């Protein structure tokens, strides 16, 4: 696993301990990605090594999307990530939040993209990470996969 991806653990701590899961059949991998097995979350990878995953967490302590949006952004910027852009995003007619960041790692820069959706008692999180040019070339497919999520499962 590439060291830049270790910051996935930061988001896990931010959003609480893993208690839920996303039904794997409710997630389609981005075009050009291959799905690989994990019992707790959906994962897929591109030939260049861009990783995409979807999982859910318990919304505990309970908070609305506006809180998780601010908490996520603050935590990641405090951790040293560089802000690229943010935007609203929707999946399954549910509003969400998209945050894109970058960080240097050795001689390369990596992009970290995360989308958060709050569904009453659970939070659905879709993430992608990879070297900047590799993720940029897959960005449209990743966003389409996120927007195609079935959040009702």
N, C-alpha and C. Protein backbone atom coordinates (compact mmCIF):
# COMPACT_ATOMS: atom_id res chain seq x y z
N UNK A 1 0.84 -1.18 0.00
CA UNK A 1 0.00 0.00 0.00
C UNK A 1 0.89 1.24 0.00
N UNK A 2 0.54 2.21 -0.80
CA UNK A 2 1.32 3.44 -0.88
C UNK A 2 1.14 4.24 0.40
N UNK A 3 2.21 4.85 0.91
CA UNK A 3 2.11 5.63 2.15
C UNK A 3 1.06 6.72 2.12
N UNK A 4 0.82 7.37 0.98
CA UNK A 4 -0.18 8.44 0.92
C UNK A 4 -1.56 7.93 1.27
N UNK A 5 -1.80 6.66 1.05
CA UNK A 5 -3.12 6.10 1.34
C UNK A 5 -3.31 5.83 2.82
N UNK A 6 -2.27 5.90 3.62
CA UNK A 6 -2.41 5.66 5.05
C UNK A 6 -3.30 6.69 5.72
N UNK A 7 -3.54 7.82 5.09
CA UNK A 7 -4.41 8.83 5.66
C UNK A 7 -5.87 8.43 5.61
N UNK A 8 -6.19 7.30 4.95
CA UNK A 8 -7.54 6.76 5.05
C UNK A 8 -7.85 6.50 6.52
N UNK A 9 -6.85 6.10 7.29
CA UNK A 9 -7.04 5.83 8.71
C UNK A 9 -7.47 7.09 9.46
N UNK A 10 -7.01 8.25 9.04
CA UNK A 10 -7.40 9.51 9.68
C UNK A 10 -8.91 9.70 9.56
N UNK A 11 -9.44 9.43 8.38
CA UNK A 11 -10.87 9.60 8.19
C UNK A 11 -11.65 8.59 9.02
N UNK A 12 -11.12 7.40 9.16
CA UNK A 12 -11.79 6.40 9.99
C UNK A 12 -11.91 6.90 11.42
N UNK A 13 -10.84 7.45 11.96
CA UNK A 13 -10.89 7.98 13.32
C UNK A 13 -11.84 9.16 13.42
N UNK A 14 -11.82 10.01 12.41
CA UNK A 14 -12.69 11.18 12.41
C UNK A 14 -14.15 10.78 12.45
N UNK A 15 -14.52 9.82 11.70
CA UNK A 15 -15.93 9.47 11.55
C UNK A 15 -16.38 8.32 12.44
N UNK A 16 -15.55 7.90 13.38
CA UNK A 16 -15.83 6.87 14.39
C UNK A 16 -15.41 5.49 13.93
N UNK A 17 -15.56 4.56 14.83
CA UNK A 17 -15.14 3.18 14.58
C UNK A 17 -16.03 2.51 13.53
N UNK A 18 -15.44 1.60 12.78
CA UNK A 18 -16.18 0.90 11.74
C UNK A 18 -17.27 0.04 12.36
N UNK A 19 -18.51 0.33 12.01
CA UNK A 19 -19.61 -0.47 12.53
C UNK A 19 -20.55 -0.90 11.42
N UNK A 20 -20.51 -0.26 10.30
CA UNK A 20 -21.45 -0.59 9.24
C UNK A 20 -20.72 -1.04 8.00
N UNK A 21 -21.50 -1.37 7.01
CA UNK A 21 -20.90 -1.72 5.73
C UNK A 21 -21.85 -1.31 4.63
N UNK A 22 -21.32 -1.19 3.44
CA UNK A 22 -22.12 -0.87 2.28
C UNK A 22 -22.34 -2.17 1.53
N UNK A 23 -23.57 -2.42 1.14
CA UNK A 23 -23.83 -3.62 0.37
C UNK A 23 -23.03 -3.55 -0.93
N UNK A 24 -22.17 -4.54 -1.13
CA UNK A 24 -21.27 -4.50 -2.29
C UNK A 24 -22.03 -4.46 -3.60
N UNK A 25 -23.20 -5.08 -3.64
CA UNK A 25 -23.96 -5.08 -4.88
C UNK A 25 -24.54 -3.70 -5.19
N UNK A 26 -24.54 -2.79 -4.21
CA UNK A 26 -25.06 -1.44 -4.40
C UNK A 26 -24.00 -0.51 -4.98
N UNK A 27 -22.80 -1.00 -5.20
CA UNK A 27 -21.69 -0.16 -5.68
C UNK A 27 -21.15 -0.74 -6.98
N UNK A 28 -21.04 0.11 -7.97
CA UNK A 28 -20.39 -0.29 -9.22
C UNK A 28 -19.04 0.40 -9.28
N UNK A 29 -17.99 -0.33 -9.68
CA UNK A 29 -16.68 0.32 -9.76
C UNK A 29 -16.66 1.35 -10.87
N UNK A 30 -15.80 2.36 -10.73
CA UNK A 30 -15.64 3.32 -11.83
C UNK A 30 -15.19 2.58 -13.09
N UNK A 31 -15.54 3.11 -14.24
CA UNK A 31 -15.12 2.53 -15.50
C UNK A 31 -13.59 2.42 -15.52
N UNK A 32 -13.09 1.24 -15.90
CA UNK A 32 -11.66 1.02 -15.97
C UNK A 32 -11.04 0.53 -14.67
N UNK A 33 -11.84 0.34 -13.63
CA UNK A 33 -11.36 -0.16 -12.34
C UNK A 33 -11.77 -1.62 -12.16
N UNK A 34 -10.96 -2.37 -11.45
CA UNK A 34 -11.28 -3.76 -11.13
C UNK A 34 -11.61 -3.86 -9.65
N UNK A 35 -12.69 -4.52 -9.35
CA UNK A 35 -13.13 -4.72 -7.98
C UNK A 35 -12.24 -5.78 -7.33
N UNK A 36 -11.94 -5.59 -6.05
CA UNK A 36 -11.26 -6.65 -5.33
C UNK A 36 -11.90 -6.84 -3.97
N UNK A 37 -11.69 -8.02 -3.42
CA UNK A 37 -12.45 -8.45 -2.24
C UNK A 37 -12.03 -7.80 -0.94
N UNK A 38 -13.03 -7.50 -0.17
CA UNK A 38 -12.88 -7.09 1.23
C UNK A 38 -14.24 -7.30 1.86
N UNK A 39 -14.27 -7.96 2.99
CA UNK A 39 -15.54 -8.30 3.62
C UNK A 39 -16.28 -7.09 4.16
N UNK A 40 -15.57 -6.00 4.52
CA UNK A 40 -16.21 -4.88 5.19
C UNK A 40 -16.54 -3.70 4.29
N UNK A 41 -15.88 -3.57 3.16
CA UNK A 41 -16.09 -2.40 2.32
C UNK A 41 -15.86 -2.75 0.87
N UNK A 42 -16.39 -1.92 -0.01
CA UNK A 42 -16.19 -2.08 -1.44
C UNK A 42 -14.86 -1.46 -1.82
N UNK A 43 -14.06 -2.17 -2.60
CA UNK A 43 -12.78 -1.64 -3.07
C UNK A 43 -12.60 -1.95 -4.55
N UNK A 44 -11.95 -1.02 -5.24
CA UNK A 44 -11.59 -1.22 -6.64
C UNK A 44 -10.30 -0.46 -6.91
N UNK A 45 -9.57 -0.88 -7.94
CA UNK A 45 -8.29 -0.25 -8.26
C UNK A 45 -8.14 -0.16 -9.77
N UNK A 46 -7.49 0.91 -10.22
CA UNK A 46 -7.21 1.08 -11.65
C UNK A 46 -5.85 0.45 -11.96
N UNK A 47 -5.55 0.23 -13.23
CA UNK A 47 -4.23 -0.34 -13.59
C UNK A 47 -3.06 0.52 -13.10
N UNK A 48 -3.26 1.84 -12.97
CA UNK A 48 -2.19 2.73 -12.51
C UNK A 48 -2.04 2.75 -10.99
N UNK A 49 -2.98 2.12 -10.29
CA UNK A 49 -2.91 2.09 -8.84
C UNK A 49 -3.79 3.10 -8.13
N UNK A 50 -4.72 3.75 -8.85
CA UNK A 50 -5.69 4.63 -8.19
C UNK A 50 -6.67 3.73 -7.44
N UNK A 51 -6.85 4.00 -6.17
CA UNK A 51 -7.72 3.19 -5.32
C UNK A 51 -9.05 3.90 -5.12
N UNK A 52 -10.15 3.14 -5.18
CA UNK A 52 -11.50 3.65 -4.94
C UNK A 52 -12.15 2.73 -3.91
N UNK A 53 -12.78 3.33 -2.91
CA UNK A 53 -13.49 2.50 -1.94
C UNK A 53 -14.73 3.21 -1.43
N UNK A 54 -15.68 2.41 -0.99
CA UNK A 54 -16.93 2.91 -0.44
C UNK A 54 -17.23 2.11 0.81
N UNK A 55 -17.61 2.82 1.86
CA UNK A 55 -17.94 2.17 3.14
C UNK A 55 -18.94 3.02 3.88
N UNK A 56 -19.47 2.50 4.96
CA UNK A 56 -20.37 3.30 5.78
C UNK A 56 -19.93 3.23 7.23
N UNK A 57 -20.29 4.28 7.94
CA UNK A 57 -19.98 4.42 9.36
C UNK A 57 -21.27 4.79 10.09
N UNK A 58 -21.33 4.48 11.34
CA UNK A 58 -22.45 4.90 12.16
C UNK A 58 -22.37 6.42 12.33
N UNK A 59 -23.48 7.10 12.22
CA UNK A 59 -23.53 8.55 12.40
C UNK A 59 -23.63 8.82 13.90
N UNK A 60 -22.50 8.63 14.57
CA UNK A 60 -22.46 8.75 16.02
C UNK A 60 -21.19 9.46 16.43
N UNK A 61 -21.24 10.55 17.09
CA UNK A 61 -22.46 11.20 17.56
C UNK A 61 -23.25 11.73 16.36
N UNK A 62 -24.57 11.69 16.47
CA UNK A 62 -25.41 12.11 15.36
C UNK A 62 -25.14 13.56 14.99
N UNK A 63 -24.98 13.79 13.69
CA UNK A 63 -24.79 15.15 13.19
C UNK A 63 -25.26 15.20 11.74
N UNK A 64 -25.61 16.39 11.30
CA UNK A 64 -26.05 16.64 9.93
C UNK A 64 -24.83 16.74 9.00
N UNK A 65 -25.10 16.72 7.71
CA UNK A 65 -24.04 16.83 6.70
C UNK A 65 -23.20 18.08 6.91
N UNK A 66 -23.81 19.19 7.28
CA UNK A 66 -23.05 20.44 7.45
C UNK A 66 -21.94 20.29 8.49
N UNK A 67 -22.20 19.55 9.56
CA UNK A 67 -21.18 19.33 10.58
C UNK A 67 -20.05 18.46 10.02
N UNK A 68 -20.40 17.33 9.39
CA UNK A 68 -19.36 16.42 8.89
C UNK A 68 -18.54 17.08 7.79
N UNK A 69 -19.16 17.95 7.01
CA UNK A 69 -18.44 18.70 5.97
C UNK A 69 -17.34 19.54 6.60
N UNK A 70 -17.68 20.32 7.61
CA UNK A 70 -16.70 21.19 8.27
C UNK A 70 -15.65 20.39 9.04
N UNK A 71 -16.09 19.33 9.72
CA UNK A 71 -15.15 18.50 10.49
C UNK A 71 -14.13 17.83 9.58
N UNK A 72 -14.60 17.29 8.47
CA UNK A 72 -13.71 16.62 7.52
C UNK A 72 -12.69 17.60 6.95
N UNK A 73 -13.16 18.74 6.48
CA UNK A 73 -12.26 19.72 5.87
C UNK A 73 -11.22 20.22 6.88
N UNK A 74 -11.66 20.56 8.07
CA UNK A 74 -10.74 21.06 9.09
C UNK A 74 -9.70 20.00 9.45
N UNK A 75 -10.13 18.78 9.66
CA UNK A 75 -9.21 17.72 10.06
C UNK A 75 -8.15 17.47 8.98
N UNK A 76 -8.57 17.42 7.74
CA UNK A 76 -7.63 17.11 6.67
C UNK A 76 -6.65 18.27 6.42
N UNK A 77 -7.14 19.50 6.50
CA UNK A 77 -6.23 20.64 6.34
C UNK A 77 -5.27 20.73 7.52
N UNK A 78 -5.76 20.46 8.73
CA UNK A 78 -4.88 20.45 9.90
C UNK A 78 -3.83 19.34 9.81
N UNK A 79 -4.14 18.27 9.08
CA UNK A 79 -3.20 17.15 8.92
C UNK A 79 -2.14 17.45 7.86
N UNK A 80 -2.27 18.58 7.16
CA UNK A 80 -1.24 18.97 6.21
C UNK A 80 -1.61 18.81 4.75
N UNK A 81 -2.81 18.34 4.47
CA UNK A 81 -3.24 18.26 3.08
C UNK A 81 -3.42 19.67 2.52
N UNK A 82 -3.28 19.80 1.20
CA UNK A 82 -3.46 21.07 0.52
C UNK A 82 -4.81 21.03 -0.19
N UNK A 83 -5.62 22.04 0.05
CA UNK A 83 -6.96 22.14 -0.52
C UNK A 83 -6.90 22.33 -2.03
N UNK A 84 -7.66 21.52 -2.76
CA UNK A 84 -7.80 21.70 -4.22
C UNK A 84 -9.15 22.29 -4.56
N UNK A 85 -10.22 21.63 -4.11
CA UNK A 85 -11.57 22.12 -4.40
C UNK A 85 -12.57 21.35 -3.55
N UNK A 86 -13.76 21.94 -3.45
CA UNK A 86 -14.88 21.30 -2.77
C UNK A 86 -16.14 21.63 -3.57
N UNK A 87 -17.13 20.77 -3.43
CA UNK A 87 -18.36 21.00 -4.17
C UNK A 87 -19.47 20.14 -3.58
N UNK A 88 -20.70 20.56 -3.79
CA UNK A 88 -21.80 19.66 -3.45
C UNK A 88 -21.82 18.53 -4.47
N UNK A 89 -22.28 17.38 -4.06
CA UNK A 89 -22.43 16.23 -4.95
C UNK A 89 -23.68 15.49 -4.50
N UNK A 90 -24.32 14.80 -5.39
CA UNK A 90 -25.53 14.06 -5.04
C UNK A 90 -25.42 12.63 -5.54
N UNK A 91 -26.04 11.74 -4.80
CA UNK A 91 -26.16 10.34 -5.18
C UNK A 91 -27.51 9.86 -4.69
N UNK A 92 -28.23 9.15 -5.53
CA UNK A 92 -29.52 8.59 -5.13
C UNK A 92 -30.45 9.68 -4.57
N UNK A 93 -30.41 10.85 -5.20
CA UNK A 93 -31.20 12.02 -4.79
C UNK A 93 -30.88 12.52 -3.38
N UNK A 94 -29.73 12.17 -2.86
CA UNK A 94 -29.30 12.62 -1.54
C UNK A 94 -28.14 13.60 -1.68
N UNK A 95 -28.18 14.73 -0.98
CA UNK A 95 -27.07 15.67 -1.05
C UNK A 95 -25.84 15.13 -0.33
N UNK A 96 -24.69 15.50 -0.83
CA UNK A 96 -23.43 15.10 -0.21
C UNK A 96 -22.41 16.20 -0.36
N UNK A 97 -21.21 15.90 0.10
CA UNK A 97 -20.11 16.86 0.08
C UNK A 97 -18.89 16.19 -0.53
N UNK A 98 -18.25 16.87 -1.47
CA UNK A 98 -17.06 16.37 -2.14
C UNK A 98 -15.89 17.27 -1.78
N UNK A 99 -14.80 16.66 -1.31
CA UNK A 99 -13.59 17.39 -0.94
C UNK A 99 -12.41 16.77 -1.68
N UNK A 100 -11.60 17.62 -2.33
CA UNK A 100 -10.42 17.13 -3.03
C UNK A 100 -9.20 17.85 -2.47
N UNK A 101 -8.19 17.05 -2.16
CA UNK A 101 -6.97 17.54 -1.52
C UNK A 101 -5.77 16.96 -2.24
N UNK A 102 -4.60 17.51 -1.97
CA UNK A 102 -3.37 16.96 -2.52
C UNK A 102 -2.31 16.98 -1.43
N UNK A 103 -1.30 16.14 -1.60
CA UNK A 103 -0.17 16.09 -0.66
C UNK A 103 1.04 15.54 -1.40
N UNK A 104 2.21 16.09 -1.14
CA UNK A 104 3.43 15.55 -1.74
C UNK A 104 3.85 14.28 -1.02
N UNK A 105 4.43 13.38 -1.79
CA UNK A 105 5.00 12.16 -1.22
C UNK A 105 6.23 11.84 -2.05
N UNK A 106 7.39 12.09 -1.48
CA UNK A 106 8.62 11.90 -2.23
C UNK A 106 8.66 12.85 -3.41
N UNK A 107 8.91 12.30 -4.58
CA UNK A 107 9.01 13.12 -5.79
C UNK A 107 7.67 13.32 -6.49
N UNK A 108 6.61 12.70 -5.96
CA UNK A 108 5.30 12.79 -6.61
C UNK A 108 4.29 13.45 -5.69
N UNK A 109 3.24 13.95 -6.30
CA UNK A 109 2.11 14.50 -5.54
C UNK A 109 0.93 13.54 -5.70
N UNK A 110 0.15 13.42 -4.65
CA UNK A 110 -1.01 12.54 -4.65
C UNK A 110 -2.27 13.34 -4.40
N UNK A 111 -3.36 12.90 -5.02
CA UNK A 111 -4.66 13.50 -4.82
C UNK A 111 -5.50 12.57 -3.97
N UNK A 112 -6.25 13.15 -3.06
CA UNK A 112 -7.17 12.42 -2.20
C UNK A 112 -8.55 13.04 -2.38
N UNK A 113 -9.51 12.28 -2.83
CA UNK A 113 -10.86 12.74 -3.10
C UNK A 113 -11.80 11.98 -2.17
N UNK A 114 -12.67 12.67 -1.48
CA UNK A 114 -13.63 11.99 -0.62
C UNK A 114 -15.00 12.65 -0.73
N UNK A 115 -16.03 11.82 -0.74
CA UNK A 115 -17.42 12.29 -0.76
C UNK A 115 -18.12 11.69 0.45
N UNK A 116 -18.94 12.51 1.10
CA UNK A 116 -19.63 12.10 2.32
C UNK A 116 -21.13 12.34 2.14
N UNK A 117 -21.92 11.33 2.49
CA UNK A 117 -23.37 11.41 2.45
C UNK A 117 -23.92 10.98 3.82
N UNK A 118 -24.84 11.74 4.37
CA UNK A 118 -25.44 11.40 5.66
C UNK A 118 -26.84 10.85 5.41
N UNK A 119 -27.05 9.63 5.88
CA UNK A 119 -28.34 8.96 5.75
C UNK A 119 -28.82 8.57 7.14
N UNK A 120 -29.47 9.48 7.83
CA UNK A 120 -30.01 9.27 9.16
C UNK A 120 -28.96 8.70 10.11
N UNK A 121 -28.96 7.38 10.32
CA UNK A 121 -28.07 6.77 11.30
C UNK A 121 -26.73 6.33 10.72
N UNK A 122 -26.52 6.55 9.42
CA UNK A 122 -25.24 6.15 8.84
C UNK A 122 -24.68 7.23 7.94
N UNK A 123 -23.37 7.16 7.79
CA UNK A 123 -22.64 8.04 6.89
C UNK A 123 -22.02 7.15 5.82
N UNK A 124 -22.24 7.46 4.57
CA UNK A 124 -21.63 6.72 3.47
C UNK A 124 -20.46 7.57 2.96
N UNK A 125 -19.31 6.93 2.86
CA UNK A 125 -18.08 7.61 2.47
C UNK A 125 -17.51 6.92 1.23
N UNK A 126 -17.27 7.71 0.19
CA UNK A 126 -16.61 7.21 -1.01
C UNK A 126 -15.28 7.95 -1.12
N UNK A 127 -14.21 7.21 -1.37
CA UNK A 127 -12.87 7.80 -1.39
C UNK A 127 -12.10 7.30 -2.60
N UNK A 128 -11.21 8.13 -3.08
CA UNK A 128 -10.27 7.73 -4.12
C UNK A 128 -8.95 8.42 -3.83
N UNK A 129 -7.87 7.73 -4.14
CA UNK A 129 -6.54 8.30 -3.92
C UNK A 129 -5.59 7.74 -4.98
N UNK A 130 -4.68 8.59 -5.40
CA UNK A 130 -3.68 8.15 -6.36
C UNK A 130 -2.80 9.31 -6.77
N UNK A 131 -1.75 9.00 -7.52
CA UNK A 131 -0.85 10.04 -8.02
C UNK A 131 -1.68 11.02 -8.84
N UNK A 132 -1.35 12.31 -8.75
CA UNK A 132 -2.17 13.38 -9.30
C UNK A 132 -2.58 13.13 -10.75
N UNK A 133 -1.64 12.87 -11.64
CA UNK A 133 -2.00 12.70 -13.05
C UNK A 133 -2.84 11.45 -13.27
N UNK A 134 -2.56 10.39 -12.51
CA UNK A 134 -3.34 9.15 -12.64
C UNK A 134 -4.78 9.37 -12.17
N UNK A 135 -4.95 10.02 -11.03
CA UNK A 135 -6.31 10.27 -10.53
C UNK A 135 -7.04 11.24 -11.46
N UNK A 136 -6.36 12.28 -11.92
CA UNK A 136 -7.00 13.23 -12.84
C UNK A 136 -7.55 12.52 -14.08
N UNK A 137 -6.81 11.55 -14.60
CA UNK A 137 -7.28 10.85 -15.80
C UNK A 137 -8.48 9.96 -15.50
N UNK A 138 -8.71 9.63 -14.25
CA UNK A 138 -9.83 8.77 -13.84
C UNK A 138 -10.93 9.54 -13.11
N UNK A 139 -10.76 10.83 -12.94
CA UNK A 139 -11.67 11.64 -12.11
C UNK A 139 -13.12 11.56 -12.56
N UNK A 140 -13.39 11.71 -13.86
CA UNK A 140 -14.76 11.67 -14.35
C UNK A 140 -15.42 10.32 -14.05
N UNK A 141 -14.69 9.24 -14.24
CA UNK A 141 -15.24 7.91 -13.95
C UNK A 141 -15.51 7.73 -12.45
N UNK A 142 -14.62 8.27 -11.62
CA UNK A 142 -14.80 8.19 -10.16
C UNK A 142 -16.03 8.98 -9.74
N UNK A 143 -16.18 10.20 -10.25
CA UNK A 143 -17.35 11.01 -9.90
C UNK A 143 -18.64 10.35 -10.38
N UNK A 144 -18.63 9.74 -11.56
CA UNK A 144 -19.81 9.05 -12.06
C UNK A 144 -20.17 7.88 -11.15
N UNK A 145 -19.16 7.14 -10.67
CA UNK A 145 -19.41 6.02 -9.76
C UNK A 145 -20.00 6.52 -8.45
N UNK A 146 -19.49 7.62 -7.94
CA UNK A 146 -20.01 8.18 -6.68
C UNK A 146 -21.46 8.63 -6.89
N UNK A 147 -21.73 9.33 -7.97
CA UNK A 147 -23.09 9.81 -8.24
C UNK A 147 -24.06 8.67 -8.50
N UNK A 148 -23.54 7.51 -8.88
CA UNK A 148 -24.38 6.33 -9.14
C UNK A 148 -24.59 5.44 -7.93
N UNK A 149 -24.09 5.84 -6.76
CA UNK A 149 -24.26 5.01 -5.57
C UNK A 149 -25.72 4.84 -5.20
N UNK A 150 -26.09 3.64 -4.76
CA UNK A 150 -27.42 3.36 -4.23
C UNK A 150 -27.32 3.49 -2.72
N UNK A 151 -27.72 4.62 -2.18
CA UNK A 151 -27.57 4.89 -0.75
C UNK A 151 -28.67 4.28 0.11
N UNK A 152 -29.66 3.67 -0.53
CA UNK A 152 -30.77 3.11 0.22
C UNK A 152 -30.54 1.68 0.68
N UNK A 153 -29.42 1.09 0.33
CA UNK A 153 -29.15 -0.30 0.75
C UNK A 153 -28.43 -0.32 2.07
